[in-house]
Amino acid sequence: ATWPAAIHWRYNHANAPSQFSANKNGAIQQIIAAAAK
């Protein structure tokens, strides 16, 4: 099964661990980097 086009996704920061409370962008960038692989 495949996606017929690009996957467009969004990020929800609710319930993130305290380690990312002041570094939301750090979590987002890690997720983006994982997808880029």
PDB file of all heavy atoms in Angstrom:
ATOM      1  N   ALA A   1       0.864  -1.177   0.000  1.00  0.00           N
ATOM      2  CA  ALA A   1       0.000   0.000   0.000  1.00  0.00           C
ATOM      3  C   ALA A   1       0.898   1.223   0.000  1.00  0.00           C
ATOM      4  O   ALA A   1       1.931   1.237   0.670  1.00  0.00           O
ATOM      5  CB  ALA A   1      -0.924   0.007   1.211  1.00  0.00           C
ATOM      6  N   THR A   2       0.514   2.236  -0.751  1.00  0.00           N
ATOM      7  CA  THR A   2       1.357   3.420  -0.873  1.00  0.00           C
ATOM      8  C   THR A   2       0.530   4.686  -0.735  1.00  0.00           C
ATOM      9  O   THR A   2      -0.685   4.685  -0.959  1.00  0.00           O
ATOM     10  CB  THR A   2       2.066   3.454  -2.245  1.00  0.00           C
ATOM     11  OG1 THR A   2       1.075   3.416  -3.289  1.00  0.00           O
ATOM     12  CG2 THR A   2       3.006   2.270  -2.402  1.00  0.00           C
ATOM     13  N   TRP A   3       1.217   5.760  -0.387  1.00  0.00           N
ATOM     14  CA  TRP A   3       0.606   7.076  -0.442  1.00  0.00           C
ATOM     15  C   TRP A   3       0.527   7.512  -1.900  1.00  0.00           C
ATOM     16  O   TRP A   3       1.495   7.385  -2.642  1.00  0.00           O
ATOM     17  CB  TRP A   3       1.432   8.076   0.354  1.00  0.00           C
ATOM     18  CG  TRP A   3       1.308   7.909   1.835  1.00  0.00           C
ATOM     19  CD1 TRP A   3       2.058   7.112   2.641  1.00  0.00           C
ATOM     20  CD2 TRP A   3       0.359   8.565   2.676  1.00  0.00           C
ATOM     21  NE1 TRP A   3       1.633   7.218   3.942  1.00  0.00           N
ATOM     22  CE2 TRP A   3       0.595   8.105   3.992  1.00  0.00           C
ATOM     23  CE3 TRP A   3      -0.657   9.485   2.446  1.00  0.00           C
ATOM     24  CZ2 TRP A   3      -0.166   8.541   5.078  1.00  0.00           C
ATOM     25  CZ3 TRP A   3      -1.413   9.932   3.531  1.00  0.00           C
ATOM     26  CH2 TRP A   3      -1.165   9.456   4.825  1.00  0.00           C
ATOM     27  N   PRO A   4      -0.605   8.056  -2.351  1.00  0.00           N
ATOM     28  CA  PRO A   4      -0.722   8.478  -3.749  1.00  0.00           C
ATOM     29  C   PRO A   4      -0.013   9.784  -4.046  1.00  0.00           C
ATOM     30  O   PRO A   4       0.227  10.126  -5.206  1.00  0.00           O
ATOM     31  CB  PRO A   4      -2.238   8.621  -3.937  1.00  0.00           C
ATOM     32  CG  PRO A   4      -2.746   8.976  -2.576  1.00  0.00           C
ATOM     33  CD  PRO A   4      -1.867   8.212  -1.615  1.00  0.00           C
ATOM     34  N   ALA A   5       0.332  10.517  -3.011  1.00  0.00           N
ATOM     35  CA  ALA A   5       1.012  11.806  -3.164  1.00  0.00           C
ATOM     36  C   ALA A   5       1.843  12.033  -1.899  1.00  0.00           C
ATOM     37  O   ALA A   5       2.036  11.122  -1.087  1.00  0.00           O
ATOM     38  CB  ALA A   5      -0.008  12.925  -3.381  1.00  0.00           C
ATOM     39  N   ALA A   6       2.323  13.238  -1.734  1.00  0.00           N
ATOM     40  CA  ALA A   6       3.150  13.553  -0.568  1.00  0.00           C
ATOM     41  C   ALA A   6       2.365  13.394   0.731  1.00  0.00           C
ATOM     42  O   ALA A   6       1.144  13.604   0.774  1.00  0.00           O
ATOM     43  CB  ALA A   6       3.686  14.977  -0.684  1.00  0.00           C
ATOM     44  N   ILE A   7       3.055  13.018   1.802  1.00  0.00           N
ATOM     45  CA  ILE A   7       2.470  12.974   3.140  1.00  0.00           C
ATOM     46  C   ILE A   7       2.623  14.363   3.751  1.00  0.00           C
ATOM     47  O   ILE A   7       3.754  14.832   3.973  1.00  0.00           O
ATOM     48  CB  ILE A   7       3.173  11.934   4.026  1.00  0.00           C
ATOM     49  CG1 ILE A   7       3.186  10.564   3.369  1.00  0.00           C
ATOM     50  CG2 ILE A   7       2.505  11.877   5.403  1.00  0.00           C
ATOM     51  CD1 ILE A   7       4.012   9.539   4.130  1.00  0.00           C
ATOM     52  N   HIS A   8       1.529  15.025   4.034  1.00  0.00           N
ATOM     53  CA  HIS A   8       1.546  16.326   4.699  1.00  0.00           C
ATOM     54  C   HIS A   8       1.149  16.109   6.162  1.00  0.00           C
ATOM     55  O   HIS A   8       0.024  15.690   6.446  1.00  0.00           O
ATOM     56  CB  HIS A   8       0.592  17.301   4.014  1.00  0.00           C
ATOM     57  CG  HIS A   8       1.092  17.785   2.691  1.00  0.00           C
ATOM     58  ND1 HIS A   8       1.790  18.961   2.542  1.00  0.00           N
ATOM     59  CD2 HIS A   8       1.009  17.234   1.452  1.00  0.00           C
ATOM     60  CE1 HIS A   8       2.123  19.128   1.267  1.00  0.00           C
ATOM     61  NE2 HIS A   8       1.656  18.083   0.580  1.00  0.00           N
ATOM     62  N   TRP A   9       2.068  16.384   7.084  1.00  0.00           N
ATOM     63  CA  TRP A   9       1.812  16.091   8.478  1.00  0.00           C
ATOM     64  C   TRP A   9       1.983  17.338   9.345  1.00  0.00           C
ATOM     65  O   TRP A   9       2.660  18.301   8.957  1.00  0.00           O
ATOM     66  CB  TRP A   9       2.736  14.983   8.981  1.00  0.00           C
ATOM     67  CG  TRP A   9       4.201  15.371   9.012  1.00  0.00           C
ATOM     68  CD1 TRP A   9       5.073  15.378   7.969  1.00  0.00           C
ATOM     69  CD2 TRP A   9       4.934  15.825  10.161  1.00  0.00           C
ATOM     70  NE1 TRP A   9       6.319  15.796   8.373  1.00  0.00           N
ATOM     71  CE2 TRP A   9       6.272  16.066   9.717  1.00  0.00           C
ATOM     72  CE3 TRP A   9       4.633  16.032  11.493  1.00  0.00           C
ATOM     73  CZ2 TRP A   9       7.278  16.530  10.586  1.00  0.00           C
ATOM     74  CZ3 TRP A   9       5.631  16.488  12.360  1.00  0.00           C
ATOM     75  CH2 TRP A   9       6.933  16.721  11.903  1.00  0.00           C
ATOM     76  N   ARG A  10       1.385  17.292  10.524  1.00  0.00           N
ATOM     77  CA  ARG A  10       1.505  18.378  11.499  1.00  0.00           C
ATOM     78  C   ARG A  10       1.952  17.821  12.855  1.00  0.00           C
ATOM     79  O   ARG A  10       1.815  16.618  13.122  1.00  0.00           O
ATOM     80  CB  ARG A  10       0.181  19.132  11.635  1.00  0.00           C
ATOM     81  CG  ARG A  10      -0.202  19.896  10.363  1.00  0.00           C
ATOM     82  CD  ARG A  10      -1.489  20.688  10.548  1.00  0.00           C
ATOM     83  NE  ARG A  10      -1.839  21.447   9.353  1.00  0.00           N
ATOM     84  CZ  ARG A  10      -1.387  22.672   9.081  1.00  0.00           C
ATOM     85  NH1 ARG A  10      -0.576  23.270   9.947  1.00  0.00           N
ATOM     86  NH2 ARG A  10      -1.753  23.293   7.979  1.00  0.00           N
ATOM     87  N   TYR A  11       2.442  18.708  13.672  1.00  0.00           N
ATOM     88  CA  TYR A  11       2.968  18.326  14.991  1.00  0.00           C
ATOM     89  C   TYR A  11       2.063  18.869  16.090  1.00  0.00           C
ATOM     90  O   TYR A  11       1.657  20.035  16.064  1.00  0.00           O
ATOM     91  CB  TYR A  11       4.380  18.862  15.169  1.00  0.00           C
ATOM     92  CG  TYR A  11       4.954  18.663  16.567  1.00  0.00           C
ATOM     93  CD1 TYR A  11       5.331  17.391  17.002  1.00  0.00           C
ATOM     94  CD2 TYR A  11       5.100  19.739  17.432  1.00  0.00           C
ATOM     95  CE1 TYR A  11       5.858  17.205  18.276  1.00  0.00           C
ATOM     96  CE2 TYR A  11       5.630  19.560  18.705  1.00  0.00           C
ATOM     97  CZ  TYR A  11       6.005  18.293  19.134  1.00  0.00           C
ATOM     98  OH  TYR A  11       6.523  18.106  20.391  1.00  0.00           O
ATOM     99  N   ASN A  12       1.755  18.000  17.075  1.00  0.00           N
ATOM    100  CA  ASN A  12       0.996  18.397  18.260  1.00  0.00           C
ATOM    101  C   ASN A  12       1.897  18.253  19.476  1.00  0.00           C
ATOM    102  O   ASN A  12       2.335  17.141  19.800  1.00  0.00           O
ATOM    103  CB  ASN A  12      -0.260  17.521  18.402  1.00  0.00           C
ATOM    104  CG  ASN A  12      -1.176  18.005  19.507  1.00  0.00           C
ATOM    105  OD1 ASN A  12      -0.728  18.462  20.548  1.00  0.00           O
ATOM    106  ND2 ASN A  12      -2.487  17.902  19.275  1.00  0.00           N
ATOM    107  N   HIS A  13       2.161  19.364  20.141  1.00  0.00           N
ATOM    108  CA  HIS A  13       3.121  19.371  21.259  1.00  0.00           C
ATOM    109  C   HIS A  13       2.480  19.022  22.600  1.00  0.00           C
ATOM    110  O   HIS A  13       3.176  18.877  23.602  1.00  0.00           O
ATOM    111  CB  HIS A  13       3.782  20.746  21.355  1.00  0.00           C
ATOM    112  CG  HIS A  13       5.010  20.771  22.216  1.00  0.00           C
ATOM    113  ND1 HIS A  13       6.133  20.014  21.942  1.00  0.00           N
ATOM    114  CD2 HIS A  13       5.284  21.464  23.365  1.00  0.00           C
ATOM    115  CE1 HIS A  13       7.061  20.243  22.864  1.00  0.00           C
ATOM    116  NE2 HIS A  13       6.571  21.105  23.742  1.00  0.00           N
ATOM    117  N   ALA A  14       1.153  18.866  22.642  1.00  0.00           N
ATOM    118  CA  ALA A  14       0.476  18.553  23.906  1.00  0.00           C
ATOM    119  C   ALA A  14       1.021  17.257  24.490  1.00  0.00           C
ATOM    120  O   ALA A  14       1.283  16.290  23.772  1.00  0.00           O
ATOM    121  CB  ALA A  14      -1.021  18.432  23.668  1.00  0.00           C
ATOM    122  N   ASN A  15       1.214  17.239  25.805  1.00  0.00           N
ATOM    123  CA  ASN A  15       1.679  16.082  26.575  1.00  0.00           C
ATOM    124  C   ASN A  15       3.155  15.769  26.353  1.00  0.00           C
ATOM    125  O   ASN A  15       3.634  14.693  26.756  1.00  0.00           O
ATOM    126  CB  ASN A  15       0.856  14.822  26.249  1.00  0.00           C
ATOM    127  CG  ASN A  15      -0.624  15.012  26.467  1.00  0.00           C
ATOM    128  OD1 ASN A  15      -1.043  15.520  27.510  1.00  0.00           O
ATOM    129  ND2 ASN A  15      -1.433  14.615  25.484  1.00  0.00           N
ATOM    130  N   ALA A  16       3.898  16.675  25.724  1.00  0.00           N
ATOM    131  CA  ALA A  16       5.335  16.440  25.532  1.00  0.00           C
ATOM    132  C   ALA A  16       6.034  16.373  26.879  1.00  0.00           C
ATOM    133  O   ALA A  16       5.616  17.014  27.850  1.00  0.00           O
ATOM    134  CB  ALA A  16       5.937  17.549  24.679  1.00  0.00           C
ATOM    135  N   PRO A  17       7.109  15.590  27.001  1.00  0.00           N
ATOM    136  CA  PRO A  17       7.828  15.497  28.277  1.00  0.00           C
ATOM    137  C   PRO A  17       8.483  16.826  28.640  1.00  0.00           C
ATOM    138  O   PRO A  17       8.732  17.677  27.774  1.00  0.00           O
ATOM    139  CB  PRO A  17       8.873  14.408  28.013  1.00  0.00           C
ATOM    140  CG  PRO A  17       9.078  14.427  26.536  1.00  0.00           C
ATOM    141  CD  PRO A  17       7.742  14.778  25.954  1.00  0.00           C
ATOM    142  N   SER A  18       8.765  16.975  29.912  1.00  0.00           N
ATOM    143  CA  SER A  18       9.320  18.239  30.405  1.00  0.00           C
ATOM    144  C   SER A  18      10.646  18.580  29.736  1.00  0.00           C
ATOM    145  O   SER A  18      11.005  19.749  29.609  1.00  0.00           O
ATOM    146  CB  SER A  18       9.499  18.165  31.924  1.00  0.00           C
ATOM    147  OG  SER A  18      10.363  17.081  32.275  1.00  0.00           O
ATOM    148  N   GLN A  19      11.393  17.571  29.301  1.00  0.00           N
ATOM    149  CA  GLN A  19      12.687  17.821  28.659  1.00  0.00           C
ATOM    150  C   GLN A  19      12.541  18.663  27.397  1.00  0.00           C
ATOM    151  O   GLN A  19      13.503  19.290  26.945  1.00  0.00           O
ATOM    152  CB  GLN A  19      13.379  16.500  28.317  1.00  0.00           C
ATOM    153  CG  GLN A  19      13.881  15.727  29.522  1.00  0.00           C
ATOM    154  CD  GLN A  19      12.809  14.851  30.154  1.00  0.00           C
ATOM    155  OE1 GLN A  19      11.625  15.007  29.856  1.00  0.00           O
ATOM    156  NE2 GLN A  19      13.211  13.944  31.015  1.00  0.00           N
ATOM    157  N   PHE A  20      11.336  18.666  26.794  1.00  0.00           N
ATOM    158  CA  PHE A  20      11.123  19.445  25.573  1.00  0.00           C
ATOM    159  C   PHE A  20      10.228  20.656  25.810  1.00  0.00           C
ATOM    160  O   PHE A  20       9.823  21.330  24.853  1.00  0.00           O
ATOM    161  CB  PHE A  20      10.521  18.563  24.481  1.00  0.00           C
ATOM    162  CG  PHE A  20      11.482  17.549  23.934  1.00  0.00           C
ATOM    163  CD1 PHE A  20      11.374  16.221  24.290  1.00  0.00           C
ATOM    164  CD2 PHE A  20      12.503  17.925  23.078  1.00  0.00           C
ATOM    165  CE1 PHE A  20      12.265  15.272  23.794  1.00  0.00           C
ATOM    166  CE2 PHE A  20      13.401  17.001  22.577  1.00  0.00           C
ATOM    167  CZ  PHE A  20      13.286  15.667  22.935  1.00  0.00           C
ATOM    168  N   SER A  21       9.928  20.982  27.078  1.00  0.00           N
ATOM    169  CA  SER A  21       9.059  22.116  27.361  1.00  0.00           C
ATOM    170  C   SER A  21       9.620  23.406  26.804  1.00  0.00           C
ATOM    171  O   SER A  21       8.896  24.251  26.256  1.00  0.00           O
ATOM    172  CB  SER A  21       8.848  22.245  28.880  1.00  0.00           C
ATOM    173  OG  SER A  21       8.178  21.117  29.390  1.00  0.00           O
ATOM    174  N   ALA A  22      10.927  23.579  26.960  1.00  0.00           N
ATOM    175  CA  ALA A  22      11.577  24.791  26.465  1.00  0.00           C
ATOM    176  C   ALA A  22      12.283  24.565  25.136  1.00  0.00           C
ATOM    177  O   ALA A  22      13.014  25.433  24.667  1.00  0.00           O
ATOM    178  CB  ALA A  22      12.577  25.307  27.507  1.00  0.00           C
ATOM    179  N   ASN A  23      12.087  23.402  24.545  1.00  0.00           N
ATOM    180  CA  ASN A  23      12.785  23.081  23.301  1.00  0.00           C
ATOM    181  C   ASN A  23      11.842  22.363  22.342  1.00  0.00           C
ATOM    182  O   ASN A  23      12.170  21.311  21.806  1.00  0.00           O
ATOM    183  CB  ASN A  23      14.017  22.220  23.594  1.00  0.00           C
ATOM    184  CG  ASN A  23      14.899  22.022  22.370  1.00  0.00           C
ATOM    185  OD1 ASN A  23      14.878  22.834  21.444  1.00  0.00           O
ATOM    186  ND2 ASN A  23      15.662  20.949  22.359  1.00  0.00           N
ATOM    187  N   LYS A  24      10.682  22.966  22.134  1.00  0.00           N
ATOM    188  CA  LYS A  24       9.717  22.371  21.214  1.00  0.00           C
ATOM    189  C   LYS A  24      10.302  22.241  19.815  1.00  0.00           C
ATOM    190  O   LYS A  24      10.112  21.229  19.137  1.00  0.00           O
ATOM    191  CB  LYS A  24       8.445  23.208  21.186  1.00  0.00           C
ATOM    192  CG  LYS A  24       7.415  22.708  20.187  1.00  0.00           C
ATOM    193  CD  LYS A  24       6.077  23.421  20.353  1.00  0.00           C
ATOM    194  CE  LYS A  24       6.192  24.904  20.119  1.00  0.00           C
ATOM    195  NZ  LYS A  24       4.861  25.566  20.201  1.00  0.00           N
ATOM    196  N   ASN A  25      11.024  23.267  19.387  1.00  0.00           N
ATOM    197  CA  ASN A  25      11.599  23.223  18.049  1.00  0.00           C
ATOM    198  C   ASN A  25      12.595  22.085  17.894  1.00  0.00           C
ATOM    199  O   ASN A  25      12.727  21.499  16.814  1.00  0.00           O
ATOM    200  CB  ASN A  25      12.274  24.550  17.712  1.00  0.00           C
ATOM    201  CG  ASN A  25      12.672  24.634  16.252  1.00  0.00           C
ATOM    202  OD1 ASN A  25      11.836  24.555  15.365  1.00  0.00           O
ATOM    203  ND2 ASN A  25      13.970  24.800  16.003  1.00  0.00           N
ATOM    204  N   GLY A  26      13.288  21.748  18.991  1.00  0.00           N
ATOM    205  CA  GLY A  26      14.230  20.627  18.930  1.00  0.00           C
ATOM    206  C   GLY A  26      13.528  19.319  18.617  1.00  0.00           C
ATOM    207  O   GLY A  26      14.020  18.501  17.827  1.00  0.00           O
ATOM    208  N   ALA A  27      12.357  19.095  19.237  1.00  0.00           N
ATOM    209  CA  ALA A  27      11.591  17.881  18.957  1.00  0.00           C
ATOM    210  C   ALA A  27      11.112  17.873  17.516  1.00  0.00           C
ATOM    211  O   ALA A  27      11.205  16.851  16.817  1.00  0.00           O
ATOM    212  CB  ALA A  27      10.409  17.786  19.916  1.00  0.00           C
ATOM    213  N   ILE A  28      10.608  19.013  17.044  1.00  0.00           N
ATOM    214  CA  ILE A  28      10.119  19.090  15.669  1.00  0.00           C
ATOM    215  C   ILE A  28      11.239  18.799  14.677  1.00  0.00           C
ATOM    216  O   ILE A  28      11.054  18.045  13.715  1.00  0.00           O
ATOM    217  CB  ILE A  28       9.504  20.473  15.399  1.00  0.00           C
ATOM    218  CG1 ILE A  28       8.244  20.669  16.241  1.00  0.00           C
ATOM    219  CG2 ILE A  28       9.194  20.649  13.909  1.00  0.00           C
ATOM    220  CD1 ILE A  28       7.678  22.067  16.187  1.00  0.00           C
ATOM    221  N   GLN A  29      12.404  19.375  14.914  1.00  0.00           N
ATOM    222  CA  GLN A  29      13.522  19.178  13.988  1.00  0.00           C
ATOM    223  C   GLN A  29      13.986  17.731  13.961  1.00  0.00           C
ATOM    224  O   GLN A  29      14.388  17.216  12.912  1.00  0.00           O
ATOM    225  CB  GLN A  29      14.675  20.116  14.351  1.00  0.00           C
ATOM    226  CG  GLN A  29      14.377  21.577  14.105  1.00  0.00           C
ATOM    227  CD  GLN A  29      13.926  21.846  12.669  1.00  0.00           C
ATOM    228  OE1 GLN A  29      14.539  21.385  11.718  1.00  0.00           O
ATOM    229  NE2 GLN A  29      12.830  22.585  12.527  1.00  0.00           N
ATOM    230  N   GLN A  30      13.925  17.040  15.082  1.00  0.00           N
ATOM    231  CA  GLN A  30      14.292  15.630  15.096  1.00  0.00           C
ATOM    232  C   GLN A  30      13.300  14.794  14.284  1.00  0.00           C
ATOM    233  O   GLN A  30      13.688  13.855  13.575  1.00  0.00           O
ATOM    234  CB  GLN A  30      14.358  15.108  16.532  1.00  0.00           C
ATOM    235  CG  GLN A  30      15.610  15.496  17.284  1.00  0.00           C
ATOM    236  CD  GLN A  30      16.856  14.890  16.663  1.00  0.00           C
ATOM    237  OE1 GLN A  30      16.831  13.794  16.110  1.00  0.00           O
ATOM    238  NE2 GLN A  30      17.962  15.609  16.737  1.00  0.00           N
ATOM    239  N   ILE A  31      12.017  15.119  14.371  1.00  0.00           N
ATOM    240  CA  ILE A  31      11.006  14.387  13.604  1.00  0.00           C
ATOM    241  C   ILE A  31      11.184  14.651  12.114  1.00  0.00           C
ATOM    242  O   ILE A  31      11.092  13.739  11.281  1.00  0.00           O
ATOM    243  CB  ILE A  31       9.597  14.782  14.078  1.00  0.00           C
ATOM    244  CG1 ILE A  31       9.421  14.438  15.560  1.00  0.00           C
ATOM    245  CG2 ILE A  31       8.528  14.074  13.242  1.00  0.00           C
ATOM    246  CD1 ILE A  31       8.191  15.061  16.192  1.00  0.00           C
ATOM    247  N   ILE A  32      11.453  15.908  11.759  1.00  0.00           N
ATOM    248  CA  ILE A  32      11.693  16.255  10.355  1.00  0.00           C
ATOM    249  C   ILE A  32      12.925  15.522   9.834  1.00  0.00           C
ATOM    250  O   ILE A  32      12.925  14.977   8.724  1.00  0.00           O
ATOM    251  CB  ILE A  32      11.852  17.778  10.197  1.00  0.00           C
ATOM    252  CG1 ILE A  32      10.522  18.476  10.482  1.00  0.00           C
ATOM    253  CG2 ILE A  32      12.360  18.126   8.797  1.00  0.00           C
ATOM    254  CD1 ILE A  32      10.613  19.989  10.504  1.00  0.00           C
ATOM    255  N   ALA A  33      13.989  15.490  10.641  1.00  0.00           N
ATOM    256  CA  ALA A  33      15.228  14.812  10.227  1.00  0.00           C
ATOM    257  C   ALA A  33      15.008  13.317  10.049  1.00  0.00           C
ATOM    258  O   ALA A  33      15.577  12.693   9.139  1.00  0.00           O
ATOM    259  CB  ALA A  33      16.326  15.071  11.253  1.00  0.00           C
ATOM    260  N   ALA A  34      14.179  12.723  10.905  1.00  0.00           N
ATOM    261  CA  ALA A  34      13.888  11.291  10.780  1.00  0.00           C
ATOM    262  C   ALA A  34      13.151  11.010   9.469  1.00  0.00           C
ATOM    263  O   ALA A  34      13.441  10.032   8.772  1.00  0.00           O
ATOM    264  CB  ALA A  34      13.058  10.818  11.973  1.00  0.00           C
ATOM    265  N   ALA A  35      12.201  11.867   9.104  1.00  0.00           N
ATOM    266  CA  ALA A  35      11.475  11.685   7.849  1.00  0.00           C
ATOM    267  C   ALA A  35      12.393  11.861   6.645  1.00  0.00           C
ATOM    268  O   ALA A  35      12.264  11.161   5.633  1.00  0.00           O
ATOM    269  CB  ALA A  35      10.317  12.677   7.772  1.00  0.00           C
ATOM    270  N   ALA A  36      13.351  12.786   6.750  1.00  0.00           N
ATOM    271  CA  ALA A  36      14.249  13.076   5.630  1.00  0.00           C
ATOM    272  C   ALA A  36      15.137  11.896   5.269  1.00  0.00           C
ATOM    273  O   ALA A  36      15.613  11.795   4.137  1.00  0.00           O
ATOM    274  CB  ALA A  36      15.104  14.295   5.961  1.00  0.00           C
ATOM    275  N   LYS A  37      15.368  10.996   6.213  1.00  0.00           N
ATOM    276  CA  LYS A  37      16.175   9.812   5.910  1.00  0.00           C
ATOM    277  C   LYS A  37      15.495   8.966   4.833  1.00  0.00           C
ATOM    278  O   LYS A  37      16.173   8.347   4.011  1.00  0.00           O
ATOM    279  CB  LYS A  37      16.386   8.985   7.181  1.00  0.00           C
ATOM    280  CG  LYS A  37      17.173   9.711   8.262  1.00  0.00           C
ATOM    281  CD  LYS A  37      17.175   8.945   9.571  1.00  0.00           C
ATOM    282  CE  LYS A  37      17.860   9.746  10.671  1.00  0.00           C
ATOM    283  NZ  LYS A  37      17.814   9.060  11.986  1.00  0.00           N
TER     284      LYS A  37
END
